[in-house]
PDB file of N, CA and C in Angstrom:
ATOM      1  N   GLN A   1     131.778 108.749 111.054  1.00  0.00           N
ATOM      2  CA  GLN A   1     132.005 108.318 112.421  1.00  0.00           C
ATOM      3  C   GLN A   1     130.829 107.595 113.044  1.00  0.00           C
ATOM      4  N   VAL A   2     129.660 107.824 112.494  1.00  0.00           N
ATOM      5  CA  VAL A   2     128.448 107.185 113.015  1.00  0.00           C
ATOM      6  C   VAL A   2     127.691 106.548 111.860  1.00  0.00           C
ATOM      7  N   GLN A   3     127.248 105.326 112.055  1.00  0.00           N
ATOM      8  CA  GLN A   3     126.446 104.633 111.046  1.00  0.00           C
ATOM      9  C   GLN A   3     125.124 104.203 111.663  1.00  0.00           C
ATOM     10  N   LEU A   4     124.081 104.290 110.856  1.00  0.00           N
ATOM     11  CA  LEU A   4     122.760 103.800 111.246  1.00  0.00           C
ATOM     12  C   LEU A   4     122.384 102.674 110.295  1.00  0.00           C
ATOM     13  N   VAL A   5     121.986 101.554 110.855  1.00  0.00           N
ATOM     14  CA  VAL A   5     121.611 100.397 110.034  1.00  0.00           C
ATOM     15  C   VAL A   5     120.208  99.970 110.410  1.00  0.00           C
ATOM     16  N   GLU A   6     119.303 100.040 109.412  1.00  0.00           N
ATOM     17  CA  GLU A   6     117.920  99.629 109.635  1.00  0.00           C
ATOM     18  C   GLU A   6     117.728  98.172 109.251  1.00  0.00           C
ATOM     19  N   SER A   7     116.720  97.552 109.852  1.00  0.00           N
ATOM     20  CA  SER A   7     116.328  96.193 109.485  1.00  0.00           C
ATOM     21  C   SER A   7     114.850  96.009 109.817  1.00  0.00           C
ATOM     22  N   GLY A   8     114.265  94.979 109.233  1.00  0.00           N
ATOM     23  CA  GLY A   8     112.894  94.619 109.578  1.00  0.00           C
ATOM     24  C   GLY A   8     111.847  94.947 108.541  1.00  0.00           C
ATOM     25  N   GLY A   9     112.225  95.584 107.462  1.00  0.00           N
ATOM     26  CA  GLY A   9     111.237  95.877 106.432  1.00  0.00           C
ATOM     27  C   GLY A   9     110.827  94.615 105.691  1.00  0.00           C
ATOM     28  N   GLY A  10     109.831  94.776 104.830  1.00  0.00           N
ATOM     29  CA  GLY A  10     109.381  93.641 104.040  1.00  0.00           C
ATOM     30  C   GLY A  10     108.009  93.869 103.457  1.00  0.00           C
ATOM     31  N   LEU A  11     107.435  92.778 102.969  1.00  0.00           N
ATOM     32  CA  LEU A  11     106.103  92.807 102.361  1.00  0.00           C
ATOM     33  C   LEU A  11     105.108  92.160 103.314  1.00  0.00           C
ATOM     34  N   VAL A  12     103.995  92.833 103.531  1.00  0.00           N
ATOM     35  CA  VAL A  12     102.987  92.329 104.453  1.00  0.00           C
ATOM     36  C   VAL A  12     101.608  92.681 103.898  1.00  0.00           C
ATOM     37  N   GLN A  13     100.626  91.894 104.243  1.00  0.00           N
ATOM     38  CA  GLN A  13      99.250  92.184 103.833  1.00  0.00           C
ATOM     39  C   GLN A  13      98.654  93.260 104.731  1.00  0.00           C
ATOM     40  N   ALA A  14      97.679  93.949 104.190  1.00  0.00           N
ATOM     41  CA  ALA A  14      96.984  94.968 104.974  1.00  0.00           C
ATOM     42  C   ALA A  14      96.439  94.335 106.260  1.00  0.00           C
ATOM     43  N   GLY A  15      96.597  95.074 107.354  1.00  0.00           N
ATOM     44  CA  GLY A  15      96.179  94.563 108.652  1.00  0.00           C
ATOM     45  C   GLY A  15      97.279  93.856 109.407  1.00  0.00           C
ATOM     46  N   GLY A  16      98.380  93.594 108.725  1.00  0.00           N
ATOM     47  CA  GLY A  16      99.490  92.894 109.350  1.00  0.00           C
ATOM     48  C   GLY A  16     100.401  93.812 110.140  1.00  0.00           C
ATOM     49  N   SER A  17     101.493  93.238 110.628  1.00  0.00           N
ATOM     50  CA  SER A  17     102.428  93.974 111.486  1.00  0.00           C
ATOM     51  C   SER A  17     103.864  93.761 111.021  1.00  0.00           C
ATOM     52  N   LEU A  18     104.678  94.741 111.279  1.00  0.00           N
ATOM     53  CA  LEU A  18     106.119  94.656 111.081  1.00  0.00           C
ATOM     54  C   LEU A  18     106.802  95.417 112.209  1.00  0.00           C
ATOM     55  N   ARG A  19     108.027  95.013 112.496  1.00  0.00           N
ATOM     56  CA  ARG A  19     108.827  95.732 113.486  1.00  0.00           C
ATOM     57  C   ARG A  19     110.149  96.126 112.856  1.00  0.00           C
ATOM     58  N   LEU A  20     110.393  97.424 112.826  1.00  0.00           N
ATOM     59  CA  LEU A  20     111.647  97.942 112.302  1.00  0.00           C
ATOM     60  C   LEU A  20     112.624  98.190 113.450  1.00  0.00           C
ATOM     61  N   SER A  21     113.891  97.973 113.155  1.00  0.00           N
ATOM     62  CA  SER A  21     114.951  98.268 114.120  1.00  0.00           C
ATOM     63  C   SER A  21     116.003  99.129 113.448  1.00  0.00           C
ATOM     64  N   CYS A  22     116.651  99.951 114.235  1.00  0.00           N
ATOM     65  CA  CYS A  22     117.746 100.782 113.731  1.00  0.00           C
ATOM     66  C   CYS A  22     118.806 100.875 114.815  1.00  0.00           C
ATOM     67  N   ALA A  23     119.996 100.401 114.492  1.00  0.00           N
ATOM     68  CA  ALA A  23     121.102 100.434 115.435  1.00  0.00           C
ATOM     69  C   ALA A  23     122.136 101.454 114.980  1.00  0.00           C
ATOM     70  N   ALA A  24     122.500 102.321 115.892  1.00  0.00           N
ATOM     71  CA  ALA A  24     123.536 103.321 115.623  1.00  0.00           C
ATOM     72  C   ALA A  24     124.852 102.844 116.209  1.00  0.00           C
ATOM     73  N   SER A  25     125.919 103.007 115.450  1.00  0.00           N
ATOM     74  CA  SER A  25     127.237 102.583 115.928  1.00  0.00           C
ATOM     75  C   SER A  25     128.277 103.639 115.569  1.00  0.00           C
ATOM     76  N   GLY A  26     129.389 103.575 116.270  1.00  0.00           N
ATOM     77  CA  GLY A  26     130.456 104.543 116.040  1.00  0.00           C
ATOM     78  C   GLY A  26     130.850 105.196 117.342  1.00  0.00           C
ATOM     79  N   ARG A  27     131.514 106.346 117.222  1.00  0.00           N
ATOM     80  CA  ARG A  27     132.028 107.028 118.403  1.00  0.00           C
ATOM     81  C   ARG A  27     130.957 107.920 119.009  1.00  0.00           C
ATOM     82  N   ILE A  28     129.906 107.277 119.454  1.00  0.00           N
ATOM     83  CA  ILE A  28     128.736 107.981 119.959  1.00  0.00           C
ATOM     84  C   ILE A  28     128.869 108.242 121.448  1.00  0.00           C
ATOM     85  N   LEU A  29     128.716 109.487 121.816  1.00  0.00           N
ATOM     86  CA  LEU A  29     128.679 109.828 123.238  1.00  0.00           C
ATOM     87  C   LEU A  29     127.236 109.883 123.728  1.00  0.00           C
ATOM     88  N   SER A  30     126.367 110.456 122.925  1.00  0.00           N
ATOM     89  CA  SER A  30     124.954 110.502 123.270  1.00  0.00           C
ATOM     90  C   SER A  30     124.148 110.846 122.015  1.00  0.00           C
ATOM     91  N   ILE A  31     122.893 110.456 122.038  1.00  0.00           N
ATOM     92  CA  ILE A  31     121.953 110.791 120.967  1.00  0.00           C
ATOM     93  C   ILE A  31     120.707 111.387 121.608  1.00  0.00           C
ATOM     94  N   ASN A  32     120.371 112.614 121.245  1.00  0.00           N
ATOM     95  CA  ASN A  32     119.209 113.248 121.861  1.00  0.00           C
ATOM     96  C   ASN A  32     117.911 112.652 121.335  1.00  0.00           C
ATOM     97  N   THR A  33     117.754 112.621 120.031  1.00  0.00           N
ATOM     98  CA  THR A  33     116.495 112.171 119.437  1.00  0.00           C
ATOM     99  C   THR A  33     116.759 111.132 118.351  1.00  0.00           C
ATOM    100  N   MET A  34     115.976 110.081 118.374  1.00  0.00           N
ATOM    101  CA  MET A  34     116.011 109.088 117.292  1.00  0.00           C
ATOM    102  C   MET A  34     114.604 108.966 116.719  1.00  0.00           C
ATOM    103  N   GLY A  35     114.536 108.762 115.441  1.00  0.00           N
ATOM    104  CA  GLY A  35     113.216 108.726 114.843  1.00  0.00           C
ATOM    105  C   GLY A  35     113.156 107.975 113.533  1.00  0.00           C
ATOM    106  N   TRP A  36     111.951 107.883 113.029  1.00  0.00           N
ATOM    107  CA  TRP A  36     111.677 107.231 111.754  1.00  0.00           C
ATOM    108  C   TRP A  36     110.953 108.206 110.839  1.00  0.00           C
ATOM    109  N   TYR A  37     111.409 108.248 109.617  1.00  0.00           N
ATOM    110  CA  TYR A  37     110.770 109.008 108.557  1.00  0.00           C
ATOM    111  C   TYR A  37     110.441 108.031 107.435  1.00  0.00           C
ATOM    112  N   ARG A  38     109.557 108.444 106.544  1.00  0.00           N
ATOM    113  CA  ARG A  38     109.263 107.600 105.401  1.00  0.00           C
ATOM    114  C   ARG A  38     109.066 108.452 104.155  1.00  0.00           C
ATOM    115  N   GLN A  39     109.325 107.802 103.038  1.00  0.00           N
ATOM    116  CA  GLN A  39     109.155 108.481 101.762  1.00  0.00           C
ATOM    117  C   GLN A  39     108.527 107.521 100.770  1.00  0.00           C
ATOM    118  N   ALA A  40     107.335 107.874 100.337  1.00  0.00           N
ATOM    119  CA  ALA A  40     106.634 107.082  99.332  1.00  0.00           C
ATOM    120  C   ALA A  40     106.993 107.616  97.943  1.00  0.00           C
ATOM    121  N   PRO A  41     106.838 106.806  96.904  1.00  0.00           N
ATOM    122  CA  PRO A  41     107.171 107.263  95.557  1.00  0.00           C
ATOM    123  C   PRO A  41     106.433 108.542  95.185  1.00  0.00           C
ATOM    124  N   GLY A  42     107.178 109.532  94.710  1.00  0.00           N
ATOM    125  CA  GLY A  42     106.575 110.780  94.281  1.00  0.00           C
ATOM    126  C   GLY A  42     106.188 111.725  95.403  1.00  0.00           C
ATOM    127  N   LYS A  43     106.528 111.358  96.637  1.00  0.00           N
ATOM    128  CA  LYS A  43     106.163 112.206  97.776  1.00  0.00           C
ATOM    129  C   LYS A  43     107.402 112.631  98.548  1.00  0.00           C
ATOM    130  N   GLN A  44     107.234 113.658  99.359  1.00  0.00           N
ATOM    131  CA  GLN A  44     108.331 114.124 100.186  1.00  0.00           C
ATOM    132  C   GLN A  44     108.503 113.217 101.400  1.00  0.00           C
ATOM    133  N   ARG A  45     109.721 113.228 101.920  1.00  0.00           N
ATOM    134  CA  ARG A  45     109.974 112.479 103.146  1.00  0.00           C
ATOM    135  C   ARG A  45     109.190 113.132 104.289  1.00  0.00           C
ATOM    136  N   GLU A  46     108.570 112.288 105.108  1.00  0.00           N
ATOM    137  CA  GLU A  46     107.766 112.805 106.213  1.00  0.00           C
ATOM    138  C   GLU A  46     108.115 112.093 107.514  1.00  0.00           C
ATOM    139  N   LEU A  47     107.909 112.812 108.608  1.00  0.00           N
ATOM    140  CA  LEU A  47     108.142 112.229 109.919  1.00  0.00           C
ATOM    141  C   LEU A  47     107.070 111.191 110.228  1.00  0.00           C
ATOM    142  N   VAL A  48     107.498 110.044 110.733  1.00  0.00           N
ATOM    143  CA  VAL A  48     106.566 109.032 111.215  1.00  0.00           C
ATOM    144  C   VAL A  48     106.460 109.146 112.734  1.00  0.00           C
ATOM    145  N   ALA A  49     107.609 109.094 113.407  1.00  0.00           N
ATOM    146  CA  ALA A  49     107.629 109.196 114.864  1.00  0.00           C
ATOM    147  C   ALA A  49     109.053 109.470 115.307  1.00  0.00           C
ATOM    148  N   HIS A  50     109.173 110.129 116.468  1.00  0.00           N
ATOM    149  CA  HIS A  50     110.497 110.252 117.057  1.00  0.00           C
ATOM    150  C   HIS A  50     110.396 110.177 118.571  1.00  0.00           C
ATOM    151  N   ILE A  51     111.542 109.875 119.184  1.00  0.00           N
ATOM    152  CA  ILE A  51     111.601 109.673 120.622  1.00  0.00           C
ATOM    153  C   ILE A  51     112.894 110.276 121.141  1.00  0.00           C
ATOM    154  N   THR A  52     112.783 110.982 122.258  1.00  0.00           N
ATOM    155  CA  THR A  52     113.970 111.580 122.854  1.00  0.00           C
ATOM    156  C   THR A  52     114.652 110.583 123.803  1.00  0.00           C
ATOM    157  N   SER A  53     115.819 110.947 124.243  1.00  0.00           N
ATOM    158  CA  SER A  53     116.536 110.083 125.182  1.00  0.00           C
ATOM    159  C   SER A  53     115.784 109.944 126.496  1.00  0.00           C
ATOM    160  N   GLY A  54     114.943 110.906 126.796  1.00  0.00           N
ATOM    161  CA  GLY A  54     114.127 110.847 128.010  1.00  0.00           C
ATOM    162  C   GLY A  54     112.832 110.092 127.842  1.00  0.00           C
ATOM    163  N   GLY A  55     112.536 109.674 126.619  1.00  0.00           N
ATOM    164  CA  GLY A  55     111.352 108.869 126.358  1.00  0.00           C
ATOM    165  C   GLY A  55     110.145 109.629 125.834  1.00  0.00           C
ATOM    166  N   SER A  56     110.284 110.918 125.604  1.00  0.00           N
ATOM    167  CA  SER A  56     109.164 111.667 125.023  1.00  0.00           C
ATOM    168  C   SER A  56     108.997 111.292 123.559  1.00  0.00           C
ATOM    169  N   THR A  57     107.755 111.102 123.151  1.00  0.00           N
ATOM    170  CA  THR A  57     107.481 110.647 121.786  1.00  0.00           C
ATOM    171  C   THR A  57     106.577 111.627 121.046  1.00  0.00           C
ATOM    172  N   ASN A  58     106.653 111.537 119.726  1.00  0.00           N
ATOM    173  CA  ASN A  58     105.795 112.332 118.863  1.00  0.00           C
ATOM    174  C   ASN A  58     105.480 111.484 117.643  1.00  0.00           C
ATOM    175  N   TYR A  59     104.209 111.484 117.226  1.00  0.00           N
ATOM    176  CA  TYR A  59     103.780 110.663 116.100  1.00  0.00           C
ATOM    177  C   TYR A  59     103.064 111.502 115.053  1.00  0.00           C
ATOM    178  N   ALA A  60     103.193 111.096 113.815  1.00  0.00           N
ATOM    179  CA  ALA A  60     102.359 111.664 112.771  1.00  0.00           C
ATOM    180  C   ALA A  60     100.920 111.235 113.026  1.00  0.00           C
ATOM    181  N   ASP A  61      99.981 112.112 112.701  1.00  0.00           N
ATOM    182  CA  ASP A  61      98.571 111.790 112.941  1.00  0.00           C
ATOM    183  C   ASP A  61      98.156 110.506 112.231  1.00  0.00           C
ATOM    184  N   SER A  62      98.743 110.260 111.084  1.00  0.00           N
ATOM    185  CA  SER A  62      98.340 109.118 110.270  1.00  0.00           C
ATOM    186  C   SER A  62      98.707 107.770 110.886  1.00  0.00           C
ATOM    187  N   VAL A  63      99.608 107.764 111.866  1.00  0.00           N
ATOM    188  CA  VAL A  63     100.043 106.503 112.452  1.00  0.00           C
ATOM    189  C   VAL A  63      99.681 106.378 113.928  1.00  0.00           C
ATOM    190  N   LYS A  64      99.123 107.423 114.509  1.00  0.00           N
ATOM    191  CA  LYS A  64      98.766 107.372 115.931  1.00  0.00           C
ATOM    192  C   LYS A  64      97.801 106.227 116.199  1.00  0.00           C
ATOM    193  N   GLY A  65      98.093 105.487 117.269  1.00  0.00           N
ATOM    194  CA  GLY A  65      97.247 104.362 117.631  1.00  0.00           C
ATOM    195  C   GLY A  65      97.603 103.073 116.920  1.00  0.00           C
ATOM    196  N   ARG A  66      98.444 103.153 115.902  1.00  0.00           N
ATOM    197  CA  ARG A  66      98.838 101.947 115.155  1.00  0.00           C
ATOM    198  C   ARG A  66     100.327 101.646 115.296  1.00  0.00           C
ATOM    199  N   PHE A  67     101.145 102.677 115.352  1.00  0.00           N
ATOM    200  CA  PHE A  67     102.599 102.517 115.441  1.00  0.00           C
ATOM    201  C   PHE A  67     103.074 102.898 116.839  1.00  0.00           C
ATOM    202  N   THR A  68     104.112 102.209 117.292  1.00  0.00           N
ATOM    203  CA  THR A  68     104.718 102.529 118.579  1.00  0.00           C
ATOM    204  C   THR A  68     106.234 102.597 118.422  1.00  0.00           C
ATOM    205  N   ILE A  69     106.812 103.720 118.833  1.00  0.00           N
ATOM    206  CA  ILE A  69     108.255 103.871 118.786  1.00  0.00           C
ATOM    207  C   ILE A  69     108.822 103.630 120.181  1.00  0.00           C
ATOM    208  N   SER A  70     109.961 102.959 120.229  1.00  0.00           N
ATOM    209  CA  SER A  70     110.634 102.717 121.500  1.00  0.00           C
ATOM    210  C   SER A  70     112.138 102.777 121.271  1.00  0.00           C
ATOM    211  N   ARG A  71     112.855 102.762 122.368  1.00  0.00           N
ATOM    212  CA  ARG A  71     114.293 103.016 122.244  1.00  0.00           C
ATOM    213  C   ARG A  71     115.039 102.335 123.380  1.00  0.00           C
ATOM    214  N   ASP A  72     116.216 101.823 123.060  1.00  0.00           N
ATOM    215  CA  ASP A  72     117.144 101.277 124.049  1.00  0.00           C
ATOM    216  C   ASP A  72     118.375 102.164 124.034  1.00  0.00           C
ATOM    217  N   ASN A  73     118.450 103.055 125.010  1.00  0.00           N
ATOM    218  CA  ASN A  73     119.559 104.023 125.019  1.00  0.00           C
ATOM    219  C   ASN A  73     120.914 103.336 125.167  1.00  0.00           C
ATOM    220  N   ALA A  74     120.960 102.273 125.940  1.00  0.00           N
ATOM    221  CA  ALA A  74     122.233 101.581 126.162  1.00  0.00           C
ATOM    222  C   ALA A  74     122.773 100.978 124.872  1.00  0.00           C
ATOM    223  N   LYS A  75     121.870 100.600 123.970  1.00  0.00           N
ATOM    224  CA  LYS A  75     122.263  99.976 122.703  1.00  0.00           C
ATOM    225  C   LYS A  75     122.209 100.957 121.540  1.00  0.00           C
ATOM    226  N   ASN A  76     121.839 102.196 121.802  1.00  0.00           N
ATOM    227  CA  ASN A  76     121.685 103.195 120.729  1.00  0.00           C
ATOM    228  C   ASN A  76     120.809 102.640 119.605  1.00  0.00           C
ATOM    229  N   THR A  77     119.717 102.044 119.991  1.00  0.00           N
ATOM    230  CA  THR A  77     118.824 101.384 119.045  1.00  0.00           C
ATOM    231  C   THR A  77     117.404 101.919 119.218  1.00  0.00           C
ATOM    232  N   VAL A  78     116.742 102.123 118.092  1.00  0.00           N
ATOM    233  CA  VAL A  78     115.355 102.566 118.100  1.00  0.00           C
ATOM    234  C   VAL A  78     114.522 101.551 117.326  1.00  0.00           C
ATOM    235  N   TYR A  79     113.296 101.370 117.777  1.00  0.00           N
ATOM    236  CA  TYR A  79     112.391 100.400 117.179  1.00  0.00           C
ATOM    237  C   TYR A  79     111.103 101.097 116.747  1.00  0.00           C
ATOM    238  N   LEU A  80     110.453 100.503 115.753  1.00  0.00           N
ATOM    239  CA  LEU A  80     109.140 100.983 115.351  1.00  0.00           C
ATOM    240  C   LEU A  80     108.249  99.775 115.157  1.00  0.00           C
ATOM    241  N   GLN A  81     107.313  99.591 116.071  1.00  0.00           N
ATOM    242  CA  GLN A  81     106.333  98.521 115.946  1.00  0.00           C
ATOM    243  C   GLN A  81     105.158  99.064 115.152  1.00  0.00           C
ATOM    244  N   MET A  82     104.890  98.423 114.018  1.00  0.00           N
ATOM    245  CA  MET A  82     103.837  98.897 113.132  1.00  0.00           C
ATOM    246  C   MET A  82     102.741  97.846 113.062  1.00  0.00           C
ATOM    247  N   ASN A  83     101.567  98.195 113.556  1.00  0.00           N
ATOM    248  CA  ASN A  83     100.416  97.303 113.545  1.00  0.00           C
ATOM    249  C   ASN A  83      99.327  97.875 112.640  1.00  0.00           C
ATOM    250  N   SER A  84      98.387  97.025 112.285  1.00  0.00           N
ATOM    251  CA  SER A  84      97.251  97.441 111.445  1.00  0.00           C
ATOM    252  C   SER A  84      97.733  98.203 110.217  1.00  0.00           C
ATOM    253  N   LEU A  85      98.702  97.644 109.558  1.00  0.00           N
ATOM    254  CA  LEU A  85      99.297  98.326 108.415  1.00  0.00           C
ATOM    255  C   LEU A  85      98.298  98.491 107.280  1.00  0.00           C
ATOM    256  N   LYS A  86      98.448  99.599 106.569  1.00  0.00           N
ATOM    257  CA  LYS A  86      97.574  99.943 105.459  1.00  0.00           C
ATOM    258  C   LYS A  86      98.411 100.093 104.186  1.00  0.00           C
ATOM    259  N   PRO A  87      97.807  99.933 103.030  1.00  0.00           N
ATOM    260  CA  PRO A  87      98.577 100.133 101.790  1.00  0.00           C
ATOM    261  C   PRO A  87      99.244 101.504 101.726  1.00  0.00           C
ATOM    262  N   GLU A  88      98.629 102.501 102.304  1.00  0.00           N
ATOM    263  CA  GLU A  88      99.221 103.855 102.276  1.00  0.00           C
ATOM    264  C   GLU A  88     100.442 103.994 103.183  1.00  0.00           C
ATOM    265  N   ASP A  89     100.750 102.962 103.952  1.00  0.00           N
ATOM    266  CA  ASP A  89     101.987 102.955 104.736  1.00  0.00           C
ATOM    267  C   ASP A  89     103.186 102.509 103.899  1.00  0.00           C
ATOM    268  N   THR A  90     102.939 102.072 102.689  1.00  0.00           N
ATOM    269  CA  THR A  90     104.012 101.624 101.808  1.00  0.00           C
ATOM    270  C   THR A  90     104.973 102.778 101.524  1.00  0.00           C
ATOM    271  N   ALA A  91     106.243 102.546 101.809  1.00  0.00           N
ATOM    272  CA  ALA A  91     107.259 103.578 101.645  1.00  0.00           C
ATOM    273  C   ALA A  91     108.625 102.995 102.009  1.00  0.00           C
ATOM    274  N   VAL A  92     109.653 103.777 101.732  1.00  0.00           N
ATOM    275  CA  VAL A  92     110.972 103.475 102.290  1.00  0.00           C
ATOM    276  C   VAL A  92     111.048 104.194 103.637  1.00  0.00           C
ATOM    277  N   TYR A  93     111.383 103.452 104.660  1.00  0.00           N
ATOM    278  CA  TYR A  93     111.461 103.994 106.007  1.00  0.00           C
ATOM    279  C   TYR A  93     112.931 104.254 106.360  1.00  0.00           C
ATOM    280  N   TYR A  94     113.187 105.471 106.803  1.00  0.00           N
ATOM    281  CA  TYR A  94     114.541 105.899 107.131  1.00  0.00           C
ATOM    282  C   TYR A  94     114.667 106.182 108.628  1.00  0.00           C
ATOM    283  N   CYS A  95     115.760 105.726 109.181  1.00  0.00           N
ATOM    284  CA  CYS A  95     116.087 106.008 110.569  1.00  0.00           C
ATOM    285  C   CYS A  95     116.889 107.308 110.637  1.00  0.00           C
ATOM    286  N   ASN A  96     116.632 108.066 111.673  1.00  0.00           N
ATOM    287  CA  ASN A  96     117.346 109.337 111.871  1.00  0.00           C
ATOM    288  C   ASN A  96     117.824 109.437 113.307  1.00  0.00           C
ATOM    289  N   ALA A  97     119.026 109.920 113.481  1.00  0.00           N
ATOM    290  CA  ALA A  97     119.568 110.240 114.803  1.00  0.00           C
ATOM    291  C   ALA A  97     119.943 111.712 114.784  1.00  0.00           C
ATOM    292  N   ASP A  98     119.387 112.460 115.711  1.00  0.00           N
ATOM    293  CA  ASP A  98     119.567 113.916 115.720  1.00  0.00           C
ATOM    294  C   ASP A  98     120.224 114.368 117.013  1.00  0.00           C
ATOM    295  N   ARG A  99     120.986 115.450 116.915  1.00  0.00           N
ATOM    296  CA  ARG A  99     121.706 116.016 118.057  1.00  0.00           C
ATOM    297  C   ARG A  99     122.588 114.943 118.686  1.00  0.00           C
ATOM    298  N   VAL A 100     123.465 114.399 117.852  1.00  0.00           N
ATOM    299  CA  VAL A 100     124.374 113.347 118.268  1.00  0.00           C
ATOM    300  C   VAL A 100     125.706 113.968 118.682  1.00  0.00           C
ATOM    301  N   LEU A 101     126.161 113.622 119.856  1.00  0.00           N
ATOM    302  CA  LEU A 101     127.502 114.005 120.299  1.00  0.00           C
ATOM    303  C   LEU A 101     128.454 112.877 119.942  1.00  0.00           C
ATOM    304  N   VAL A 102     129.507 113.249 119.189  1.00  0.00           N
ATOM    305  CA  VAL A 102     130.444 112.254 118.678  1.00  0.00           C
ATOM    306  C   VAL A 102     131.807 112.474 119.319  1.00  0.00           C
ATOM    307  N   GLY A 103     132.424 111.393 119.766  1.00  0.00           N
ATOM    308  CA  GLY A 103     133.723 111.502 120.405  1.00  0.00           C
ATOM    309  C   GLY A 103     134.769 112.112 119.485  1.00  0.00           C
ATOM    310  N   GLY A 104     135.454 113.142 119.999  1.00  0.00           N
ATOM    311  CA  GLY A 104     136.503 113.780 119.227  1.00  0.00           C
ATOM    312  C   GLY A 104     136.055 114.877 118.298  1.00  0.00           C
ATOM    313  N   LEU A 105     134.753 115.141 118.216  1.00  0.00           N
ATOM    314  CA  LEU A 105     134.235 116.174 117.323  1.00  0.00           C
ATOM    315  C   LEU A 105     133.460 117.214 118.110  1.00  0.00           C
ATOM    316  N   PRO A 106     133.581 118.484 117.739  1.00  0.00           N
ATOM    317  CA  PRO A 106     132.795 119.516 118.414  1.00  0.00           C
ATOM    318  C   PRO A 106     131.378 119.549 117.878  1.00  0.00           C
ATOM    319  N   GLY A 107     130.465 120.077 118.661  1.00  0.00           N
ATOM    320  CA  GLY A 107     129.105 120.282 118.174  1.00  0.00           C
ATOM    321  C   GLY A 107     128.272 119.020 118.147  1.00  0.00           C
ATOM    322  N   GLU A 108     127.105 119.159 117.525  1.00  0.00           N
ATOM    323  CA  GLU A 108     126.155 118.060 117.414  1.00  0.00           C
ATOM    324  C   GLU A 108     125.910 117.771 115.939  1.00  0.00           C
ATOM    325  N   TYR A 109     125.548 116.525 115.650  1.00  0.00           N
ATOM    326  CA  TYR A 109     125.387 116.086 114.274  1.00  0.00           C
ATOM    327  C   TYR A 109     124.092 115.306 114.094  1.00  0.00           C
ATOM    328  N   ALA A 110     123.666 115.215 112.861  1.00  0.00           N
ATOM    329  CA  ALA A 110     122.497 114.402 112.504  1.00  0.00           C
ATOM    330  C   ALA A 110     122.923 113.363 111.478  1.00  0.00           C
ATOM    331  N   TYR A 111     122.330 112.182 111.596  1.00  0.00           N
ATOM    332  CA  TYR A 111     122.682 111.083 110.701  1.00  0.00           C
ATOM    333  C   TYR A 111     121.433 110.385 110.209  1.00  0.00           C
ATOM    334  N   TRP A 112     121.555 109.793 109.018  1.00  0.00           N
ATOM    335  CA  TRP A 112     120.464 109.037 108.406  1.00  0.00           C
ATOM    336  C   TRP A 112     120.928 107.632 108.062  1.00  0.00           C
ATOM    337  N   GLY A 113     119.995 106.684 108.169  1.00  0.00           N
ATOM    338  CA  GLY A 113     120.247 105.365 107.637  1.00  0.00           C
ATOM    339  C   GLY A 113     119.953 105.336 106.148  1.00  0.00           C
ATOM    340  N   ARG A 114     120.196 104.184 105.525  1.00  0.00           N
ATOM    341  CA  ARG A 114     119.984 104.062 104.082  1.00  0.00           C
ATOM    342  C   ARG A 114     118.548 103.717 103.724  1.00  0.00           C
ATOM    343  N   GLY A 115     117.776 103.332 104.703  1.00  0.00           N
ATOM    344  CA  GLY A 115     116.371 103.058 104.454  1.00  0.00           C
ATOM    345  C   GLY A 115     116.064 101.580 104.325  1.00  0.00           C
ATOM    346  N   THR A 116     114.830 101.232 104.670  1.00  0.00           N
ATOM    347  CA  THR A 116     114.340  99.866 104.503  1.00  0.00           C
ATOM    348  C   THR A 116     112.938  99.938 103.908  1.00  0.00           C
ATOM    349  N   GLN A 117     112.680  99.091 102.938  1.00  0.00           N
ATOM    350  CA  GLN A 117     111.412  99.142 102.222  1.00  0.00           C
ATOM    351  C   GLN A 117     110.321  98.425 103.001  1.00  0.00           C
ATOM    352  N   VAL A 118     109.190  99.085 103.108  1.00  0.00           N
ATOM    353  CA  VAL A 118     107.977  98.477 103.660  1.00  0.00           C
ATOM    354  C   VAL A 118     106.907  98.533 102.577  1.00  0.00           C
ATOM    355  N   ALA A 119     106.350  97.387 102.256  1.00  0.00           N
ATOM    356  CA  ALA A 119     105.300  97.313 101.245  1.00  0.00           C
ATOM    357  C   ALA A 119     104.089  96.610 101.848  1.00  0.00           C
ATOM    358  N   VAL A 120     102.938  97.237 101.735  1.00  0.00           N
ATOM    359  CA  VAL A 120     101.700  96.686 102.290  1.00  0.00           C
ATOM    360  C   VAL A 120     100.730  96.437 101.140  1.00  0.00           C
ATOM    361  N   SER A 121     100.347  95.202 100.974  1.00  0.00           N
ATOM    362  CA  SER A 121      99.431  94.849  99.885  1.00  0.00           C
ATOM    363  C   SER A 121      97.991  94.866 100.378  1.00  0.00           C
ATOM    364  N   SER A 122      97.098  95.188  99.466  1.00  0.00           N
ATOM    365  CA  SER A 122      95.679  95.286  99.842  1.00  0.00           C
ATOM    366  C   SER A 122      94.977  93.966  99.643  1.00  0.00           C
TER     367      SER A 122
END
């Protein structure tokens, strides 16, 4: 009932910038939290940043001061502006929508996008 589609990944040199977008579609009534996670080869998926519908944000220590998460509630879209990228930022970045109220369904749900690759060369 709900799909998340990420865009904006790619290959960039160290020190460069990328902007990721994730649009949620479907029978969405509301989304409490939207966020970005990443998974590098051989590592567990980790939180990068998330933002609530009220605008409260949380960042991983490794990206504080370099990444900025923002959100357009009317469009059910979340963005991740990534500046001063480092080779260690290389990973597949996944969009997440948590505590989603879906029309016609009881309870709350969580959804994931399929991921977008970010590669940072040194």
